[in-house]
Amino acid sequence: MLFNKPLIVLAGPTYFNELDKYKRAKVIFPEHPCKWRPCNLRTGVDNCGCMGDINYVKIYEKIKTNV
């Protein structure tokens, strides 16, 4: 964001509202987020695992359209 570059964010259990202010940010959410979202769990501590539910095709498509 500091260098005004495109940014792709994988948002799982936590979403940072500051991203809404950056117009070049594209956010990808899990296909089936956990029911506690946003749970704000620290990595490795009772991890809900919703990050594993992000489709890699969506990531590829966002990269392809952001270049």
PDB file of N, CA and C in Angstrom:
ATOM      1  N   MET A   1       0.821  -1.181   0.000  1.00  0.00           N
ATOM      2  CA  MET A   1       0.000   0.000   0.000  1.00  0.00           C
ATOM      3  C   MET A   1       0.868   1.248   0.000  1.00  0.00           C
ATOM      4  N   LEU A   2       1.990   1.171   0.652  1.00  0.00           N
ATOM      5  CA  LEU A   2       2.885   2.306   0.743  1.00  0.00           C
ATOM      6  C   LEU A   2       3.370   2.737  -0.641  1.00  0.00           C
ATOM      7  N   PHE A   3       3.586   1.777  -1.527  1.00  0.00           N
ATOM      8  CA  PHE A   3       4.094   2.080  -2.866  1.00  0.00           C
ATOM      9  C   PHE A   3       2.992   2.082  -3.922  1.00  0.00           C
ATOM     10  N   ASN A   4       1.736   2.103  -3.493  1.00  0.00           N
ATOM     11  CA  ASN A   4       0.579   2.140  -4.397  1.00  0.00           C
ATOM     12  C   ASN A   4       0.568   0.965  -5.376  1.00  0.00           C
ATOM     13  N   LYS A   5       0.912  -0.194  -4.881  1.00  0.00           N
ATOM     14  CA  LYS A   5       0.910  -1.417  -5.690  1.00  0.00           C
ATOM     15  C   LYS A   5      -0.405  -2.160  -5.484  1.00  0.00           C
ATOM     16  N   PRO A   6      -0.814  -2.966  -6.471  1.00  0.00           N
ATOM     17  CA  PRO A   6      -2.006  -3.800  -6.261  1.00  0.00           C
ATOM     18  C   PRO A   6      -1.780  -4.754  -5.088  1.00  0.00           C
ATOM     19  N   LEU A   7      -2.834  -5.014  -4.352  1.00  0.00           N
ATOM     20  CA  LEU A   7      -2.732  -5.853  -3.171  1.00  0.00           C
ATOM     21  C   LEU A   7      -3.858  -6.878  -3.183  1.00  0.00           C
ATOM     22  N   ILE A   8      -3.503  -8.140  -3.037  1.00  0.00           N
ATOM     23  CA  ILE A   8      -4.494  -9.205  -2.927  1.00  0.00           C
ATOM     24  C   ILE A   8      -4.411  -9.749  -1.513  1.00  0.00           C
ATOM     25  N   VAL A   9      -5.543  -9.733  -0.822  1.00  0.00           N
ATOM     26  CA  VAL A   9      -5.591 -10.114   0.581  1.00  0.00           C
ATOM     27  C   VAL A   9      -6.438 -11.368   0.743  1.00  0.00           C
ATOM     28  N   LEU A  10      -5.894 -12.348   1.437  1.00  0.00           N
ATOM     29  CA  LEU A  10      -6.645 -13.551   1.782  1.00  0.00           C
ATOM     30  C   LEU A  10      -7.176 -13.332   3.195  1.00  0.00           C
ATOM     31  N   ALA A  11      -8.479 -13.092   3.312  1.00  0.00           N
ATOM     32  CA  ALA A  11      -9.085 -12.764   4.603  1.00  0.00           C
ATOM     33  C   ALA A  11      -9.897 -13.958   5.088  1.00  0.00           C
ATOM     34  N   GLY A  12      -9.464 -14.538   6.166  1.00  0.00           N
ATOM     35  CA  GLY A  12     -10.176 -15.692   6.718  1.00  0.00           C
ATOM     36  C   GLY A  12     -10.868 -15.324   8.004  1.00  0.00           C
ATOM     37  N   PRO A  13     -10.300 -15.739   9.136  1.00  0.00           N
ATOM     38  CA  PRO A  13     -10.958 -15.470  10.401  1.00  0.00           C
ATOM     39  C   PRO A  13     -10.912 -13.997  10.797  1.00  0.00           C
ATOM     40  N   THR A  14     -10.010 -13.230  10.199  1.00  0.00           N
ATOM     41  CA  THR A  14      -9.865 -11.825  10.548  1.00  0.00           C
ATOM     42  C   THR A  14      -9.929 -10.976   9.292  1.00  0.00           C
ATOM     43  N   TYR A  15     -10.618  -9.849   9.362  1.00  0.00           N
ATOM     44  CA  TYR A  15     -10.680  -8.903   8.251  1.00  0.00           C
ATOM     45  C   TYR A  15     -10.332  -7.527   8.783  1.00  0.00           C
ATOM     46  N   PHE A  16      -9.426  -6.855   8.101  1.00  0.00           N
ATOM     47  CA  PHE A  16      -8.981  -5.538   8.528  1.00  0.00           C
ATOM     48  C   PHE A  16      -9.739  -4.471   7.745  1.00  0.00           C
ATOM     49  N   ASN A  17     -10.570  -3.700   8.429  1.00  0.00           N
ATOM     50  CA  ASN A  17     -11.417  -2.702   7.780  1.00  0.00           C
ATOM     51  C   ASN A  17     -10.625  -1.627   7.053  1.00  0.00           C
ATOM     52  N   GLU A  18      -9.357  -1.434   7.402  1.00  0.00           N
ATOM     53  CA  GLU A  18      -8.537  -0.426   6.740  1.00  0.00           C
ATOM     54  C   GLU A  18      -8.391  -0.723   5.251  1.00  0.00           C
ATOM     55  N   LEU A  19      -8.563  -1.980   4.879  1.00  0.00           N
ATOM     56  CA  LEU A  19      -8.431  -2.354   3.468  1.00  0.00           C
ATOM     57  C   LEU A  19      -9.491  -1.695   2.600  1.00  0.00           C
ATOM     58  N   ASP A  20     -10.623  -1.349   3.177  1.00  0.00           N
ATOM     59  CA  ASP A  20     -11.690  -0.701   2.419  1.00  0.00           C
ATOM     60  C   ASP A  20     -11.262   0.672   1.903  1.00  0.00           C
ATOM     61  N   LYS A  21     -10.305   1.277   2.552  1.00  0.00           N
ATOM     62  CA  LYS A  21      -9.834   2.600   2.146  1.00  0.00           C
ATOM     63  C   LYS A  21      -8.840   2.532   0.983  1.00  0.00           C
ATOM     64  N   TYR A  22      -8.253   1.380   0.754  1.00  0.00           N
ATOM     65  CA  TYR A  22      -7.250   1.227  -0.306  1.00  0.00           C
ATOM     66  C   TYR A  22      -7.922   0.655  -1.544  1.00  0.00           C
ATOM     67  N   LYS A  23      -8.069   1.475  -2.554  1.00  0.00           N
ATOM     68  CA  LYS A  23      -8.824   1.104  -3.756  1.00  0.00           C
ATOM     69  C   LYS A  23      -8.160   0.017  -4.588  1.00  0.00           C
ATOM     70  N   ARG A  24      -6.868  -0.198  -4.414  1.00  0.00           N
ATOM     71  CA  ARG A  24      -6.167  -1.207  -5.214  1.00  0.00           C
ATOM     72  C   ARG A  24      -6.124  -2.572  -4.523  1.00  0.00           C
ATOM     73  N   ALA A  25      -6.807  -2.693  -3.392  1.00  0.00           N
ATOM     74  CA  ALA A  25      -6.843  -3.967  -2.662  1.00  0.00           C
ATOM     75  C   ALA A  25      -8.022  -4.806  -3.135  1.00  0.00           C
ATOM     76  N   LYS A  26      -7.760  -6.069  -3.408  1.00  0.00           N
ATOM     77  CA  LYS A  26      -8.788  -7.055  -3.738  1.00  0.00           C
ATOM     78  C   LYS A  26      -8.775  -8.093  -2.624  1.00  0.00           C
ATOM     79  N   VAL A  27      -9.917  -8.322  -2.013  1.00  0.00           N
ATOM     80  CA  VAL A  27     -10.010  -9.228  -0.873  1.00  0.00           C
ATOM     81  C   VAL A  27     -10.696 -10.521  -1.304  1.00  0.00           C
ATOM     82  N   ILE A  28     -10.112 -11.639  -0.902  1.00  0.00           N
ATOM     83  CA  ILE A  28     -10.683 -12.954  -1.184  1.00  0.00           C
ATOM     84  C   ILE A  28     -11.052 -13.600   0.146  1.00  0.00           C
ATOM     85  N   PHE A  29     -12.305 -13.995   0.255  1.00  0.00           N
ATOM     86  CA  PHE A  29     -12.801 -14.652   1.464  1.00  0.00           C
ATOM     87  C   PHE A  29     -12.960 -16.150   1.207  1.00  0.00           C
ATOM     88  N   PRO A  30     -12.995 -16.968   2.260  1.00  0.00           N
ATOM     89  CA  PRO A  30     -13.232 -18.408   2.094  1.00  0.00           C
ATOM     90  C   PRO A  30     -14.612 -18.665   1.490  1.00  0.00           C
ATOM     91  N   GLU A  31     -14.718 -19.752   0.766  1.00  0.00           N
ATOM     92  CA  GLU A  31     -16.004 -20.130   0.168  1.00  0.00           C
ATOM     93  C   GLU A  31     -17.055 -20.392   1.247  1.00  0.00           C
ATOM     94  N   HIS A  32     -16.633 -21.045   2.322  1.00  0.00           N
ATOM     95  CA  HIS A  32     -17.536 -21.371   3.428  1.00  0.00           C
ATOM     96  C   HIS A  32     -16.879 -20.923   4.732  1.00  0.00           C
ATOM     97  N   PRO A  33     -17.031 -19.635   5.081  1.00  0.00           N
ATOM     98  CA  PRO A  33     -16.373 -19.159   6.307  1.00  0.00           C
ATOM     99  C   PRO A  33     -16.972 -19.807   7.554  1.00  0.00           C
ATOM    100  N   CYS A  34     -16.181 -19.840   8.600  1.00  0.00           N
ATOM    101  CA  CYS A  34     -16.663 -20.433   9.845  1.00  0.00           C
ATOM    102  C   CYS A  34     -17.785 -19.575  10.419  1.00  0.00           C
ATOM    103  N   LYS A  35     -18.601 -20.162  11.254  1.00  0.00           N
ATOM    104  CA  LYS A  35     -19.768 -19.450  11.771  1.00  0.00           C
ATOM    105  C   LYS A  35     -19.405 -18.359  12.774  1.00  0.00           C
ATOM    106  N   TRP A  36     -18.161 -18.352  13.263  1.00  0.00           N
ATOM    107  CA  TRP A  36     -17.750 -17.348  14.238  1.00  0.00           C
ATOM    108  C   TRP A  36     -17.073 -16.155  13.600  1.00  0.00           C
ATOM    109  N   ARG A  37     -17.019 -16.100  12.286  1.00  0.00           N
ATOM    110  CA  ARG A  37     -16.281 -15.056  11.584  1.00  0.00           C
ATOM    111  C   ARG A  37     -16.806 -13.685  11.937  1.00  0.00           C
ATOM    112  N   PRO A  38     -15.995 -12.679  12.192  1.00  0.00           N
ATOM    113  CA  PRO A  38     -14.547 -12.822  12.372  1.00  0.00           C
ATOM    114  C   PRO A  38     -14.229 -13.319  13.778  1.00  0.00           C
ATOM    115  N   CYS A  39     -13.471 -14.375  13.846  1.00  0.00           N
ATOM    116  CA  CYS A  39     -13.160 -14.945  15.154  1.00  0.00           C
ATOM    117  C   CYS A  39     -11.863 -14.383  15.731  1.00  0.00           C
ATOM    118  N   ASN A  40     -11.033 -13.762  14.893  1.00  0.00           N
ATOM    119  CA  ASN A  40      -9.792 -13.130  15.344  1.00  0.00           C
ATOM    120  C   ASN A  40      -8.899 -14.071  16.142  1.00  0.00           C
ATOM    121  N   LEU A  41      -8.867 -15.323  15.750  1.00  0.00           N
ATOM    122  CA  LEU A  41      -8.010 -16.284  16.450  1.00  0.00           C
ATOM    123  C   LEU A  41      -6.566 -16.122  16.010  1.00  0.00           C
ATOM    124  N   ARG A  42      -5.647 -16.261  16.937  1.00  0.00           N
ATOM    125  CA  ARG A  42      -4.227 -16.225  16.590  1.00  0.00           C
ATOM    126  C   ARG A  42      -3.863 -17.506  15.870  1.00  0.00           C
ATOM    127  N   THR A  43      -2.899 -17.435  14.974  1.00  0.00           N
ATOM    128  CA  THR A  43      -2.455 -18.598  14.221  1.00  0.00           C
ATOM    129  C   THR A  43      -1.934 -19.673  15.166  1.00  0.00           C
ATOM    130  N   GLY A  44      -2.376 -20.887  14.966  1.00  0.00           N
ATOM    131  CA  GLY A  44      -1.900 -22.007  15.751  1.00  0.00           C
ATOM    132  C   GLY A  44      -2.616 -22.197  17.080  1.00  0.00           C
ATOM    133  N   VAL A  45      -3.504 -21.292  17.434  1.00  0.00           N
ATOM    134  CA  VAL A  45      -4.232 -21.408  18.696  1.00  0.00           C
ATOM    135  C   VAL A  45      -5.707 -21.581  18.361  1.00  0.00           C
ATOM    136  N   ASP A  46      -6.212 -22.774  18.539  1.00  0.00           N
ATOM    137  CA  ASP A  46      -7.612 -23.067  18.231  1.00  0.00           C
ATOM    138  C   ASP A  46      -8.009 -22.556  16.843  1.00  0.00           C
ATOM    139  N   ASN A  47      -7.143 -22.790  15.880  1.00  0.00           N
ATOM    140  CA  ASN A  47      -7.357 -22.292  14.522  1.00  0.00           C
ATOM    141  C   ASN A  47      -8.620 -22.891  13.918  1.00  0.00           C
ATOM    142  N   CYS A  48      -9.494 -22.048  13.372  1.00  0.00           N
ATOM    143  CA  CYS A  48     -10.751 -22.540  12.817  1.00  0.00           C
ATOM    144  C   CYS A  48     -10.546 -23.200  11.451  1.00  0.00           C
ATOM    145  N   GLY A  49      -9.463 -22.915  10.765  1.00  0.00           N
ATOM    146  CA  GLY A  49      -9.141 -23.593   9.516  1.00  0.00           C
ATOM    147  C   GLY A  49      -9.844 -23.066   8.282  1.00  0.00           C
ATOM    148  N   CYS A  50     -10.540 -21.934   8.377  1.00  0.00           N
ATOM    149  CA  CYS A  50     -11.279 -21.451   7.215  1.00  0.00           C
ATOM    150  C   CYS A  50     -10.358 -20.958   6.096  1.00  0.00           C
ATOM    151  N   MET A  51      -9.106 -20.646   6.391  1.00  0.00           N
ATOM    152  CA  MET A  51      -8.176 -20.214   5.342  1.00  0.00           C
ATOM    153  C   MET A  51      -7.937 -21.329   4.328  1.00  0.00           C
ATOM    154  N   GLY A  52      -8.042 -22.570   4.763  1.00  0.00           N
ATOM    155  CA  GLY A  52      -7.874 -23.699   3.851  1.00  0.00           C
ATOM    156  C   GLY A  52      -9.031 -23.852   2.883  1.00  0.00           C
ATOM    157  N   ASP A  53     -10.074 -23.072   3.085  1.00  0.00           N
ATOM    158  CA  ASP A  53     -11.258 -23.155   2.234  1.00  0.00           C
ATOM    159  C   ASP A  53     -11.284 -22.056   1.163  1.00  0.00           C
ATOM    160  N   ILE A  54     -10.151 -21.363   0.969  1.00  0.00           N
ATOM    161  CA  ILE A  54     -10.062 -20.355  -0.092  1.00  0.00           C
ATOM    162  C   ILE A  54      -9.677 -21.069  -1.379  1.00  0.00           C
ATOM    163  N   ASN A  55     -10.447 -20.829  -2.401  1.00  0.00           N
ATOM    164  CA  ASN A  55     -10.258 -21.488  -3.691  1.00  0.00           C
ATOM    165  C   ASN A  55      -9.042 -20.902  -4.406  1.00  0.00           C
ATOM    166  N   TYR A  56      -8.077 -21.735  -4.769  1.00  0.00           N
ATOM    167  CA  TYR A  56      -6.864 -21.256  -5.433  1.00  0.00           C
ATOM    168  C   TYR A  56      -7.161 -20.674  -6.809  1.00  0.00           C
ATOM    169  N   VAL A  57      -8.245 -21.082  -7.435  1.00  0.00           N
ATOM    170  CA  VAL A  57      -8.623 -20.521  -8.743  1.00  0.00           C
ATOM    171  C   VAL A  57      -9.007 -19.050  -8.581  1.00  0.00           C
ATOM    172  N   LYS A  58      -9.689 -18.715  -7.493  1.00  0.00           N
ATOM    173  CA  LYS A  58     -10.035 -17.321  -7.225  1.00  0.00           C
ATOM    174  C   LYS A  58      -8.775 -16.469  -7.062  1.00  0.00           C
ATOM    175  N   ILE A  59      -7.790 -17.015  -6.383  1.00  0.00           N
ATOM    176  CA  ILE A  59      -6.527 -16.291  -6.193  1.00  0.00           C
ATOM    177  C   ILE A  59      -5.881 -16.039  -7.544  1.00  0.00           C
ATOM    178  N   TYR A  60      -5.808 -17.063  -8.366  1.00  0.00           N
ATOM    179  CA  TYR A  60      -5.197 -16.938  -9.691  1.00  0.00           C
ATOM    180  C   TYR A  60      -5.940 -15.899 -10.535  1.00  0.00           C
ATOM    181  N   GLU A  61      -7.269 -15.928 -10.510  1.00  0.00           N
ATOM    182  CA  GLU A  61      -8.063 -14.976 -11.302  1.00  0.00           C
ATOM    183  C   GLU A  61      -7.827 -13.536 -10.835  1.00  0.00           C
ATOM    184  N   LYS A  62      -7.742 -13.320  -9.522  1.00  0.00           N
ATOM    185  CA  LYS A  62      -7.489 -11.960  -9.012  1.00  0.00           C
ATOM    186  C   LYS A  62      -6.107 -11.483  -9.429  1.00  0.00           C
ATOM    187  N   ILE A  63      -5.129 -12.376  -9.397  1.00  0.00           N
ATOM    188  CA  ILE A  63      -3.778 -12.000  -9.822  1.00  0.00           C
ATOM    189  C   ILE A  63      -3.783 -11.654 -11.302  1.00  0.00           C
ATOM    190  N   LYS A  64      -4.434 -12.462 -12.076  1.00  0.00           N
ATOM    191  CA  LYS A  64      -4.476 -12.255 -13.528  1.00  0.00           C
ATOM    192  C   LYS A  64      -5.141 -10.933 -13.886  1.00  0.00           C
ATOM    193  N   THR A  65      -6.205 -10.554 -13.188  1.00  0.00           N
ATOM    194  CA  THR A  65      -6.899  -9.312 -13.504  1.00  0.00           C
ATOM    195  C   THR A  65      -6.257  -8.090 -12.875  1.00  0.00           C
ATOM    196  N   ASN A  66      -5.379  -8.290 -11.901  1.00  0.00           N
ATOM    197  CA  ASN A  66      -4.708  -7.156 -11.246  1.00  0.00           C
ATOM    198  C   ASN A  66      -3.428  -6.729 -11.942  1.00  0.00           C
ATOM    199  N   VAL A  67      -2.907  -7.534 -12.823  1.00  0.00           N
ATOM    200  CA  VAL A  67      -1.616  -7.215 -13.459  1.00  0.00           C
ATOM    201  C   VAL A  67      -1.798  -6.225 -14.560  1.00  0.00           C
TER     202      VAL A  67
END
